[in-house]
Amino acid sequence: MIKRALFSLILLGMAAQTHATPELLVPSEIQCGPFQYIETIEVHGDIEDSVLRLIHATLENKDSDFYVIQHISEDTRDDTLTVVINLYNQGESYNLS
């Protein structure tokens, strides 16, 4: 279920054009580009909540360019959902000339 939710989140993140929230990146993209780490955020919500809505609501007032989902976990006993997110800004690009 978590894999399906993550896959859906990635697809929705790519399809949705949002101006107020940072863009979703795949963890491997961080290693290949000039990104500056900002902070790690833990998002908590109801297990029935949309992961994408929880993330967007949390990141609405954050000042960063990109985010990466590090971990998604569900607690079926308490009906809670936890998402760990790392925030990044676009770093200076390298000039090869």
Protein backbone atom coordinates (compact mmCIF):
# COMPACT_ATOMS: atom_id res chain seq x y z
CA MET A 1 0.00 0.00 0.00
CA ILE A 2 2.84 2.39 0.80
CA LYS A 3 4.53 1.75 -2.54
CA ARG A 4 1.28 2.39 -4.38
CA ALA A 5 0.72 5.61 -2.42
CA LEU A 6 4.27 6.77 -3.13
CA PHE A 7 3.93 6.02 -6.83
CA SER A 8 0.62 7.88 -6.95
CA LEU A 9 2.18 10.77 -5.09
CA ILE A 10 5.04 11.02 -7.58
CA LEU A 11 2.67 10.95 -10.53
CA LEU A 12 0.38 13.54 -9.00
CA GLY A 13 3.33 15.69 -8.06
CA MET A 14 4.57 15.69 -11.64
CA ALA A 15 1.13 16.40 -13.06
CA ALA A 16 0.12 19.14 -10.64
CA GLN A 17 1.35 22.64 -11.34
CA THR A 18 1.63 24.38 -7.99
CA HIS A 19 3.12 27.76 -7.31
CA ALA A 20 3.04 27.91 -3.51
CA THR A 21 4.74 24.63 -2.68
CA PRO A 22 8.15 23.19 -3.56
CA GLU A 23 8.53 20.61 -6.32
CA LEU A 24 8.93 16.91 -5.64
CA LEU A 25 12.29 15.34 -6.51
CA VAL A 26 13.41 11.73 -6.61
CA PRO A 27 16.20 11.09 -4.03
CA SER A 28 18.71 10.22 -6.77
CA GLU A 29 18.27 13.68 -8.34
CA ILE A 30 19.70 15.31 -5.21
CA GLN A 31 23.02 13.51 -5.74
CA CYS A 32 23.28 14.65 -9.37
CA GLY A 33 22.56 18.35 -8.99
CA PRO A 34 23.62 21.39 -7.03
CA PHE A 35 21.05 21.34 -4.21
CA GLN A 36 21.38 22.87 -0.77
CA TYR A 37 19.81 20.97 2.14
CA ILE A 38 17.48 23.14 4.26
CA GLU A 39 15.71 20.97 6.86
CA THR A 40 13.89 17.72 7.60
CA ILE A 41 10.17 17.82 8.40
CA GLU A 42 7.95 15.08 9.84
CA VAL A 43 4.32 15.27 8.71
CA HIS A 44 1.66 13.47 10.75
CA GLY A 45 -1.91 12.83 9.69
CA ASP A 46 -4.82 10.44 9.66
CA ILE A 47 -4.22 7.16 7.83
CA GLU A 48 -7.14 8.00 5.52
CA ASP A 49 -5.66 11.39 4.52
CA SER A 50 -4.13 11.93 1.12
CA VAL A 51 -0.34 11.93 1.35
CA LEU A 52 -0.12 14.63 -1.31
CA ARG A 53 -2.60 16.89 0.52
CA LEU A 54 -0.75 16.45 3.82
CA ILE A 55 2.55 17.37 2.21
CA HIS A 56 1.18 20.35 0.31
CA ALA A 57 -0.58 21.70 3.41
CA THR A 58 2.62 21.40 5.43
CA LEU A 59 4.89 22.91 2.77
CA GLU A 60 2.53 25.74 1.85
CA ASN A 61 4.36 28.27 4.01
CA LYS A 62 7.86 26.83 3.64
CA ASP A 63 10.45 28.73 1.65
CA SER A 64 12.24 26.05 -0.36
CA ASP A 65 12.48 25.02 -4.00
CA PHE A 66 12.29 21.23 -3.77
CA TYR A 67 11.40 18.37 -1.43
CA VAL A 68 12.26 14.68 -1.26
CA ILE A 69 10.14 12.06 0.51
CA GLN A 70 12.49 10.06 2.69
CA HIS A 71 10.08 7.75 4.45
CA ILE A 72 6.35 6.96 4.68
CA SER A 73 4.97 4.87 7.53
CA GLU A 74 1.50 3.87 8.71
CA ASP A 75 0.40 2.89 12.20
CA THR A 76 -2.79 0.87 11.82
CA ARG A 77 -3.33 0.65 15.58
CA ASP A 78 -3.57 4.43 15.94
CA ASP A 79 -4.75 5.08 12.36
CA THR A 80 -1.90 7.52 11.77
CA LEU A 81 0.34 8.29 8.83
CA THR A 82 3.85 9.74 9.09
CA VAL A 83 5.83 11.19 6.19
CA VAL A 84 9.45 12.34 6.55
CA ILE A 85 10.45 15.03 4.05
CA ASN A 86 13.78 16.74 3.32
CA LEU A 87 13.67 20.29 1.94
CA TYR A 88 16.24 21.65 -0.54
CA ASN A 89 16.96 24.86 -2.40
CA GLN A 90 18.50 25.13 -5.82
CA GLY A 91 22.23 25.61 -5.31
CA GLU A 92 24.64 27.44 -7.53
CA SER A 93 25.17 25.65 -10.81
CA TYR A 94 28.66 24.77 -11.87
CA ASN A 95 30.20 26.71 -14.72
CA LEU A 96 32.48 24.48 -16.80
CA SER A 97 34.01 27.27 -18.90
